[in-house]
Amino acid sequence: MGLLVAAAHRYDGRPDPAYGTDSGVAAVQVRAGVGVVGDRYAGKPAHRDASVTVLAVEAVEAVAADLGAGPFDPLLLRRTVVLRGAEVEALRGQPFALDSGDGLVLLQGGRPAAPCAWMDVVLAPGAHAALRGRAGVRCAPLTDGTLRLGPAVLSSAVPLDPARAALPARRAARRG
């Protein structure tokens, strides 16, 4: 598991890529109904249901391969939690738990974490479009807890297929 706390909007209004990068952290403190302590979305009413973002690293690797670029640093997408081997996109609208050794942190999967247009500058041309449907999930924290860098266990009532971790979200079947 990779972790990032981003105190400010790094890409907001930037005309060029000369803004540096964020670095990962060893642990994050999650607060129910608030978010990640120190993060730009913590405690913001508009982000209460979307203050923690979760991403599958395989999606970033697949985008790099699709574009013939990279490898990309998954932290450049500025998601709070980066997991390997998890079908993150299937967690939309679903409760799930992460445990990195300090007990369960319960999250409610919500809407997609849409990629911003800056991904074409930060990663490679075409990355913005290639990330649609696989840039992660915005989540609401349901419990307080600590997430630490390193191995983690993801628990969900929804069957998850690690082989689908790199694929865009499944689209709901249309009724006729």
Protein backbone atom coordinates (compact mmCIF):
# COMPACT_ATOMS: atom_id res chain seq x y z
CA MET A 1 0.00 0.00 0.00
CA GLY A 2 1.18 3.52 -0.83
CA LEU A 3 -0.07 6.58 1.06
CA LEU A 4 -0.21 10.29 0.30
CA VAL A 5 -1.41 13.32 2.24
CA ALA A 6 -1.73 16.35 -0.02
CA ALA A 7 -2.14 19.57 1.94
CA ALA A 8 -2.77 21.75 -1.13
CA HIS A 9 -4.17 21.52 -4.64
CA ARG A 10 -0.93 20.95 -6.53
CA TYR A 11 -2.22 21.15 -10.11
CA ASP A 12 -4.85 23.87 -9.69
CA GLY A 13 -4.16 26.59 -12.29
CA ARG A 14 -0.58 25.53 -13.05
CA PRO A 15 0.55 26.46 -16.56
CA ASP A 16 3.58 24.17 -16.63
CA PRO A 17 4.95 21.04 -14.95
CA ALA A 18 7.56 22.92 -12.88
CA TYR A 19 5.68 22.44 -9.59
CA GLY A 20 7.43 19.43 -8.10
CA THR A 21 5.79 16.35 -6.70
CA ASP A 22 4.39 15.15 -3.43
CA SER A 23 6.10 12.40 -1.52
CA GLY A 24 4.43 9.50 0.16
CA VAL A 25 4.05 9.17 3.90
CA ALA A 26 4.57 6.24 6.28
CA ALA A 27 1.12 6.53 7.90
CA VAL A 28 -2.13 8.49 7.72
CA GLN A 29 -4.67 9.20 10.43
CA VAL A 30 -8.24 8.74 9.17
CA ARG A 31 -11.13 10.42 10.98
CA ALA A 32 -14.74 9.32 10.46
CA GLY A 33 -16.77 12.01 8.70
CA VAL A 34 -13.66 14.20 8.33
CA GLY A 35 -11.03 12.51 6.18
CA VAL A 36 -7.26 12.22 6.43
CA VAL A 37 -5.63 14.51 8.98
CA GLY A 38 -3.59 17.15 7.13
CA ASP A 39 -5.14 16.50 3.71
CA ARG A 40 -6.68 19.29 1.61
CA TYR A 41 -10.11 17.59 1.68
CA ALA A 42 -10.27 16.89 5.44
CA GLY A 43 -13.28 18.49 7.07
CA LYS A 44 -14.51 20.19 3.91
CA PRO A 45 -18.32 19.83 3.69
CA ALA A 46 -18.23 19.38 -0.10
CA HIS A 47 -15.82 16.45 0.28
CA ARG A 48 -17.19 14.74 3.39
CA ASP A 49 -18.35 11.75 1.31
CA ALA A 50 -15.24 11.79 -0.88
CA SER A 51 -12.32 12.74 1.36
CA VAL A 52 -10.28 9.55 0.93
CA THR A 53 -9.29 8.38 -2.54
CA VAL A 54 -8.21 4.82 -3.37
CA LEU A 55 -6.37 3.75 -6.55
CA ALA A 56 -5.07 0.47 -7.97
CA VAL A 57 -1.43 0.75 -9.04
CA GLU A 58 -2.15 -1.72 -11.85
CA ALA A 59 -4.37 0.90 -13.49
CA VAL A 60 -1.46 3.34 -13.59
CA GLU A 61 0.84 0.65 -14.99
CA ALA A 62 -1.74 -0.23 -17.66
CA VAL A 63 -2.09 3.41 -18.72
CA ALA A 64 1.71 3.68 -19.03
CA ALA A 65 1.74 0.54 -21.19
CA ASP A 66 -1.22 1.74 -23.30
CA LEU A 67 0.56 5.04 -23.96
CA GLY A 68 3.99 3.49 -24.49
CA ALA A 69 5.34 5.74 -21.74
CA GLY A 70 6.41 5.53 -18.14
CA PRO A 71 6.72 3.89 -15.80
CA PHE A 72 4.64 6.46 -13.90
CA ASP A 73 4.88 7.22 -10.21
CA PRO A 74 1.36 6.41 -8.95
CA LEU A 75 1.66 9.17 -6.33
CA LEU A 76 1.51 11.72 -9.15
CA LEU A 77 -2.22 10.99 -9.37
CA ARG A 78 -2.45 12.34 -5.79
CA ARG A 79 -4.69 9.59 -4.42
CA THR A 80 -4.67 8.96 -0.67
CA VAL A 81 -4.25 5.17 -0.83
CA VAL A 82 -2.59 3.20 -3.63
CA LEU A 83 -3.18 -0.55 -3.53
CA ARG A 84 -1.76 -3.46 -5.52
CA GLY A 85 -3.94 -6.45 -6.38
CA ALA A 86 -7.30 -4.80 -5.68
CA GLU A 87 -10.18 -4.28 -8.08
CA VAL A 88 -10.73 -0.78 -6.72
CA GLU A 89 -13.30 0.31 -9.30
CA ALA A 90 -15.71 -2.42 -8.10
CA LEU A 91 -15.86 -0.65 -4.71
CA ARG A 92 -17.97 2.21 -6.04
CA GLY A 93 -21.03 2.48 -3.80
CA GLN A 94 -19.80 -0.34 -1.54
CA PRO A 95 -18.59 -0.40 2.06
CA PHE A 96 -15.15 -1.96 2.57
CA ALA A 97 -12.34 -2.12 5.10
CA LEU A 98 -8.59 -1.69 4.97
CA ASP A 99 -6.27 -3.07 7.63
CA SER A 100 -2.56 -2.36 7.49
CA GLY A 101 -1.85 -3.77 10.94
CA ASP A 102 -3.46 -1.22 13.27
CA GLY A 103 -7.04 -2.45 12.95
CA LEU A 104 -9.82 -1.95 10.43
CA VAL A 105 -10.53 1.38 8.81
CA LEU A 106 -14.03 1.27 7.33
CA LEU A 107 -14.71 3.24 4.16
CA GLN A 108 -17.77 3.75 1.99
CA GLY A 109 -16.89 3.66 -1.70
CA GLY A 110 -18.49 6.49 -3.62
CA ARG A 111 -18.14 8.18 -6.96
CA PRO A 112 -15.21 7.78 -9.34
CA ALA A 113 -12.09 9.82 -8.65
CA ALA A 114 -12.03 11.48 -12.04
CA PRO A 115 -8.61 12.26 -13.46
CA CYS A 116 -7.80 15.90 -14.12
CA ALA A 117 -6.56 17.22 -17.45
CA TRP A 118 -3.15 17.87 -15.86
CA MET A 119 -2.43 14.14 -16.19
CA ASP A 120 -1.59 14.84 -19.86
CA VAL A 121 1.20 17.14 -18.61
CA VAL A 122 2.26 15.31 -15.46
CA LEU A 123 2.28 11.76 -16.88
CA ALA A 124 2.10 11.77 -20.69
CA PRO A 125 -0.11 13.06 -23.50
CA GLY A 126 -3.30 10.98 -23.55
CA ALA A 127 -3.13 10.00 -19.86
CA HIS A 128 -6.23 12.02 -18.94
CA ALA A 129 -8.42 10.06 -21.36
CA ALA A 130 -6.70 6.73 -20.63
CA LEU A 131 -7.36 7.10 -16.89
CA ARG A 132 -11.11 7.60 -17.23
CA GLY A 133 -12.92 4.81 -15.44
CA ARG A 134 -9.78 3.61 -13.66
CA ALA A 135 -8.42 6.61 -11.75
CA GLY A 136 -9.76 5.34 -8.44
CA VAL A 137 -12.70 5.79 -6.12
CA ARG A 138 -13.59 8.60 -3.73
CA CYS A 139 -14.60 7.29 -0.32
CA ALA A 140 -16.15 8.47 2.92
CA PRO A 141 -14.35 7.35 6.09
CA LEU A 142 -16.80 5.59 8.43
CA THR A 143 -14.39 4.96 11.33
CA ASP A 144 -11.28 6.49 12.83
CA GLY A 145 -8.02 4.65 12.37
CA THR A 146 -4.48 4.52 11.09
CA LEU A 147 -3.29 3.23 7.74
CA ARG A 148 0.41 2.43 7.38
CA LEU A 149 2.66 2.03 4.38
CA GLY A 150 3.19 -1.61 3.44
CA PRO A 151 1.00 -4.68 3.12
CA ALA A 152 -2.71 -4.26 3.80
CA VAL A 153 -5.80 -6.43 3.74
CA LEU A 154 -8.87 -5.22 1.87
CA SER A 155 -12.18 -6.74 2.98
CA SER A 156 -15.41 -6.32 1.04
CA ALA A 157 -18.75 -8.09 0.70
CA VAL A 158 -18.40 -7.53 -3.05
CA PRO A 159 -16.39 -10.24 -4.82
CA LEU A 160 -13.20 -8.63 -6.11
CA ASP A 161 -11.06 -9.97 -8.93
CA PRO A 162 -7.39 -8.89 -8.68
CA ALA A 163 -7.03 -9.67 -12.40
CA ARG A 164 -9.42 -6.75 -13.09
CA ALA A 165 -7.38 -4.21 -11.06
CA ALA A 166 -6.02 -2.53 -14.22
CA LEU A 167 -9.30 -2.47 -16.13
CA PRO A 168 -11.75 0.42 -16.35
CA ALA A 169 -14.89 0.21 -14.23
CA ARG A 170 -17.53 -2.16 -15.45
CA ARG A 171 -20.46 -0.32 -16.93
CA ALA A 172 -23.90 -1.18 -15.67
CA ALA A 173 -26.02 -3.02 -18.21
CA ARG A 174 -28.68 -0.83 -19.81
CA ARG A 175 -32.26 -1.95 -19.64
CA GLY A 176 -34.24 -1.83 -22.68
